[in-house]
Amino acid sequence: MSEGKINFYNVDCVEFMKDKPDNYYDLAIVDPPYGINMDGGHIGGSVLAKTTAYTKKDWDKEAPNDEYFKQLFRVSKNQIVWGANHFISRMPYDSSCWLVWNKLNGDNNFADCELAWTSFKTSVRKFDFRWAGMLQQNMKDKEKRIHPTQKPKDLYRWILKNYANTGDKILDTHGGSMGIAIACDIEDFELDICEIDLEYYNNGIKRYNEFKQQLSMF
């Protein structure tokens, strides 16, 4: 399915990448499974809000295999890989430029931050954006949580503004909530986005279409 510069694919991302030539994408921004069993069930919850119930699945039992990383680094010139601290041995080389998303989530059992390995040679950079249950940084534009490991679209916008260049072709291998599709639409980047799970794929496209409908109203 294609919407202007945004192309959605309900496919296995490894098989999808195998059909692409070397260095086809300027930048891959990916959020693969970490292998920490965050793939559904009742997640989150506090004195202010109930836990969120997601369909229980089994995609977060382990990190992607070597073939995934072989294809990812073959088809893209630069990469940003969320969660790489959980599978650092699979990264091809050390990086001076890690991205730190500070969730500002207070005292709980969840991680205070999430880390992304990058292929860039600059310094570590931090993005502060509250993402704590019902509390979000931008409550006037609060995002509905449709995926257990969803990241805010503003995080992706920050990445695109700082690490992508005008005209870059972007790849996301694990679309999930499709937040990056909204970010690429806003920032005017071409994106190929894969999601193998049909439930996530359909819900993510519904979210993207609702965003486009709201945009057209204004």
Protein backbone atom coordinates (compact mmCIF):
# COMPACT_ATOMS: atom_id res chain seq x y z
CA MET A 1 0.00 0.00 0.00
CA SER A 2 1.36 3.43 -0.95
CA GLU A 3 0.33 6.87 0.30
CA GLY A 4 2.41 9.43 -1.58
CA LYS A 5 5.97 8.98 -0.37
CA ILE A 6 4.97 6.48 2.34
CA ASN A 7 4.96 2.83 1.25
CA PHE A 8 3.55 0.17 3.61
CA TYR A 9 4.39 -3.53 3.24
CA ASN A 10 2.81 -6.45 5.13
CA VAL A 11 5.82 -8.71 4.61
CA ASP A 12 8.77 -10.44 6.24
CA CYS A 13 11.35 -7.65 6.34
CA VAL A 14 14.33 -9.95 5.68
CA GLU A 15 12.79 -11.30 2.48
CA PHE A 16 11.84 -7.74 1.54
CA MET A 17 15.42 -6.51 1.96
CA LYS A 18 16.86 -9.40 -0.05
CA ASP A 19 15.19 -7.95 -3.14
CA LYS A 20 16.82 -4.54 -2.70
CA PRO A 21 20.23 -3.54 -4.15
CA ASP A 22 23.17 -2.51 -1.97
CA ASN A 23 22.87 0.95 -0.35
CA TYR A 24 19.32 1.37 -1.63
CA TYR A 25 18.30 3.36 1.47
CA ASP A 26 20.07 6.41 2.81
CA LEU A 27 19.02 5.72 6.39
CA ALA A 28 17.44 2.79 8.22
CA ILE A 29 15.64 3.71 11.45
CA VAL A 30 14.60 0.43 13.05
CA ASP A 31 13.06 -0.78 16.28
CA PRO A 32 13.34 -4.58 16.13
CA PRO A 33 12.44 -7.02 18.92
CA TYR A 34 14.75 -6.71 21.92
CA GLY A 35 14.12 -10.22 23.25
CA ILE A 36 12.60 -9.04 26.55
CA ASN A 37 9.05 -10.45 26.25
CA MET A 38 7.26 -7.13 25.76
CA ASP A 39 5.02 -8.55 23.05
CA GLY A 40 1.58 -8.23 24.60
CA GLY A 41 -0.68 -8.99 27.51
CA HIS A 42 -1.33 -6.40 30.24
CA ILE A 43 1.39 -3.76 30.21
CA GLY A 44 1.92 -0.65 32.29
CA GLY A 45 -0.51 0.72 34.85
CA SER A 46 -0.28 3.01 37.86
CA VAL A 47 -2.45 4.61 40.50
CA LEU A 48 -3.61 7.01 37.78
CA ALA A 49 -4.43 4.52 35.03
CA LYS A 50 -5.21 0.87 34.47
CA THR A 51 -2.91 -1.47 32.61
CA THR A 52 -3.30 -1.56 28.84
CA ALA A 53 -4.33 -4.91 27.36
CA TYR A 54 -2.61 -5.84 24.11
CA THR A 55 -3.06 -9.06 22.15
CA LYS A 56 -0.52 -11.54 23.51
CA LYS A 57 1.95 -12.56 20.82
CA ASP A 58 5.40 -14.16 20.67
CA TRP A 59 7.59 -11.87 18.56
CA ASP A 60 9.77 -10.57 21.42
CA LYS A 61 11.37 -13.85 22.51
CA GLU A 62 14.73 -13.00 20.95
CA ALA A 63 16.52 -10.31 18.97
CA PRO A 64 16.76 -10.52 15.16
CA ASN A 65 19.18 -13.09 13.77
CA ASP A 66 22.42 -12.54 11.86
CA GLU A 67 20.67 -12.63 8.47
CA TYR A 68 18.53 -9.65 9.47
CA PHE A 69 21.59 -7.56 10.33
CA LYS A 70 23.45 -8.75 7.24
CA GLN A 71 20.64 -7.50 5.01
CA LEU A 72 20.05 -4.31 7.02
CA PHE A 73 23.66 -3.17 6.72
CA ARG A 74 23.79 -4.18 3.07
CA VAL A 75 20.75 -2.20 1.90
CA SER A 76 21.30 0.98 3.96
CA LYS A 77 24.09 3.54 4.05
CA ASN A 78 23.46 4.55 7.68
CA GLN A 79 21.54 2.91 10.50
CA ILE A 80 19.85 3.78 13.79
CA VAL A 81 18.97 0.63 15.75
CA TRP A 82 16.83 0.94 18.87
CA GLY A 83 17.42 -1.53 21.69
CA ALA A 84 20.90 -2.52 20.55
CA ASN A 85 22.09 -2.53 24.17
CA HIS A 86 20.13 -5.79 24.46
CA PHE A 87 22.01 -7.42 21.56
CA ILE A 88 25.25 -5.44 21.30
CA SER A 89 27.24 -8.48 20.20
CA ARG A 90 25.33 -8.43 16.91
CA MET A 91 26.37 -4.87 16.05
CA PRO A 92 29.20 -4.78 13.48
CA TYR A 93 31.40 -2.17 15.21
CA ASP A 94 31.57 0.22 18.16
CA SER A 95 29.74 3.52 17.98
CA SER A 96 30.51 6.92 19.46
CA CYS A 97 26.99 8.15 18.69
CA TRP A 98 24.31 6.49 20.76
CA LEU A 99 20.89 8.11 21.00
CA VAL A 100 19.27 8.30 24.43
CA TRP A 101 15.52 8.71 24.74
CA ASN A 102 14.82 9.91 28.30
CA LYS A 103 11.21 8.94 29.03
CA LEU A 104 10.89 11.08 32.17
CA ASN A 105 8.70 8.34 33.54
CA GLY A 106 9.29 8.72 37.29
CA ASP A 107 9.62 5.83 39.74
CA ASN A 108 8.51 2.49 38.31
CA ASN A 109 9.93 -0.82 37.12
CA PHE A 110 10.33 0.29 33.50
CA ALA A 111 13.56 1.58 31.99
CA ASP A 112 14.21 5.29 32.49
CA CYS A 113 15.68 5.52 28.98
CA GLU A 114 15.92 3.63 25.72
CA LEU A 115 19.14 3.48 23.71
CA ALA A 116 19.82 3.36 19.99
CA TRP A 117 23.08 2.35 18.36
CA THR A 118 23.95 4.44 15.29
CA SER A 119 26.44 4.31 12.45
CA PHE A 120 27.19 8.02 12.83
CA LYS A 121 30.54 9.29 14.11
CA THR A 122 29.31 12.16 16.25
CA SER A 123 28.71 12.32 20.00
CA VAL A 124 26.01 10.80 22.19
CA ARG A 125 22.75 12.76 21.99
CA LYS A 126 19.71 12.79 24.31
CA PHE A 127 16.04 13.47 23.60
CA ASP A 128 13.76 14.23 26.57
CA PHE A 129 10.14 13.28 26.00
CA ARG A 130 7.77 12.11 28.70
CA TRP A 131 6.11 8.78 27.95
CA ALA A 132 4.67 7.45 31.19
CA GLY A 133 1.34 5.68 30.90
CA MET A 134 -1.42 8.25 30.52
CA LEU A 135 1.11 11.08 30.85
CA GLN A 136 2.85 12.27 27.70
CA GLN A 137 5.07 15.23 26.91
CA ASN A 138 2.52 16.77 24.56
CA MET A 139 -0.87 16.24 26.20
CA LYS A 140 -2.55 18.54 23.66
CA ASP A 141 -1.58 16.09 20.92
CA LYS A 142 -1.71 12.91 22.98
CA GLU A 143 -1.04 9.71 21.06
CA LYS A 144 -3.25 6.66 21.42
CA ARG A 145 -1.12 3.64 22.38
CA ILE A 146 -1.86 0.84 19.90
CA HIS A 147 1.36 -1.20 20.26
CA PRO A 148 3.12 -2.48 23.40
CA THR A 149 6.50 -1.00 22.42
CA GLN A 150 5.22 2.14 20.68
CA LYS A 151 7.51 5.15 20.44
CA PRO A 152 6.27 8.75 20.08
CA LYS A 153 6.16 10.29 16.63
CA ASP A 154 8.05 13.32 17.98
CA LEU A 155 11.01 11.07 18.73
CA TYR A 156 11.11 10.06 15.09
CA ARG A 157 10.72 13.67 13.98
CA TRP A 158 13.72 14.62 16.12
CA ILE A 159 15.76 11.81 14.54
CA LEU A 160 14.83 12.86 11.02
CA LYS A 161 15.66 16.49 11.68
CA ASN A 162 19.08 15.62 13.09
CA TYR A 163 20.22 12.55 11.15
CA ALA A 164 18.49 12.60 7.76
CA ASN A 165 19.13 14.88 4.82
CA THR A 166 16.62 16.34 2.38
CA GLY A 167 15.74 13.75 -0.24
CA ASP A 168 16.87 10.74 1.82
CA LYS A 169 15.04 7.45 1.36
CA ILE A 170 14.21 5.90 4.75
CA LEU A 171 13.66 2.25 5.76
CA ASP A 172 11.83 0.91 8.80
CA THR A 173 11.77 -2.89 9.09
CA HIS A 174 9.39 -3.17 12.06
CA GLY A 175 6.58 -0.65 11.61
CA GLY A 176 4.53 -1.46 14.71
CA SER A 177 2.32 1.56 15.43
CA MET A 178 3.55 3.32 12.25
CA GLY A 179 4.61 6.41 14.18
CA ILE A 180 7.59 6.82 11.89
CA ALA A 181 5.22 6.97 8.91
CA ILE A 182 3.49 10.00 10.43
CA ALA A 183 6.86 11.59 11.19
CA CYS A 184 8.14 11.03 7.65
CA ASP A 185 4.93 12.48 6.24
CA ILE A 186 5.28 15.62 8.37
CA GLU A 187 8.99 16.02 7.61
CA ASP A 188 8.54 15.13 3.90
CA PHE A 189 10.68 11.99 3.63
CA GLU A 190 10.14 8.95 1.44
CA LEU A 191 9.69 5.81 3.55
CA ASP A 192 9.42 2.06 3.00
CA ILE A 193 7.95 0.48 6.14
CA CYS A 194 7.50 -3.23 6.79
CA GLU A 195 5.27 -4.95 9.34
CA ILE A 196 4.73 -8.72 9.25
CA ASP A 197 1.93 -8.89 11.84
CA LEU A 198 -1.41 -8.23 10.13
CA GLU A 199 -3.08 -6.85 13.27
CA TYR A 200 -0.32 -4.28 13.80
CA TYR A 201 -0.21 -3.53 10.07
CA ASN A 202 -3.95 -2.81 9.85
CA ASN A 203 -4.07 -0.82 13.10
CA GLY A 204 -1.01 1.18 12.09
CA ILE A 205 -2.42 2.07 8.68
CA LYS A 206 -5.72 3.03 10.33
CA ARG A 207 -3.78 5.35 12.63
CA TYR A 208 -1.89 6.87 9.70
CA ASN A 209 -5.10 7.40 7.71
CA GLU A 210 -6.76 9.08 10.70
CA PHE A 211 -3.77 11.41 10.91
CA LYS A 212 -4.13 12.27 7.20
CA GLN A 213 -7.86 12.88 7.61
CA GLN A 214 -7.26 15.25 10.50
CA LEU A 215 -4.62 17.03 8.44
CA SER A 216 -7.03 17.53 5.55
CA MET A 217 -9.62 19.06 7.90
CA PHE A 218 -7.24 21.89 8.77
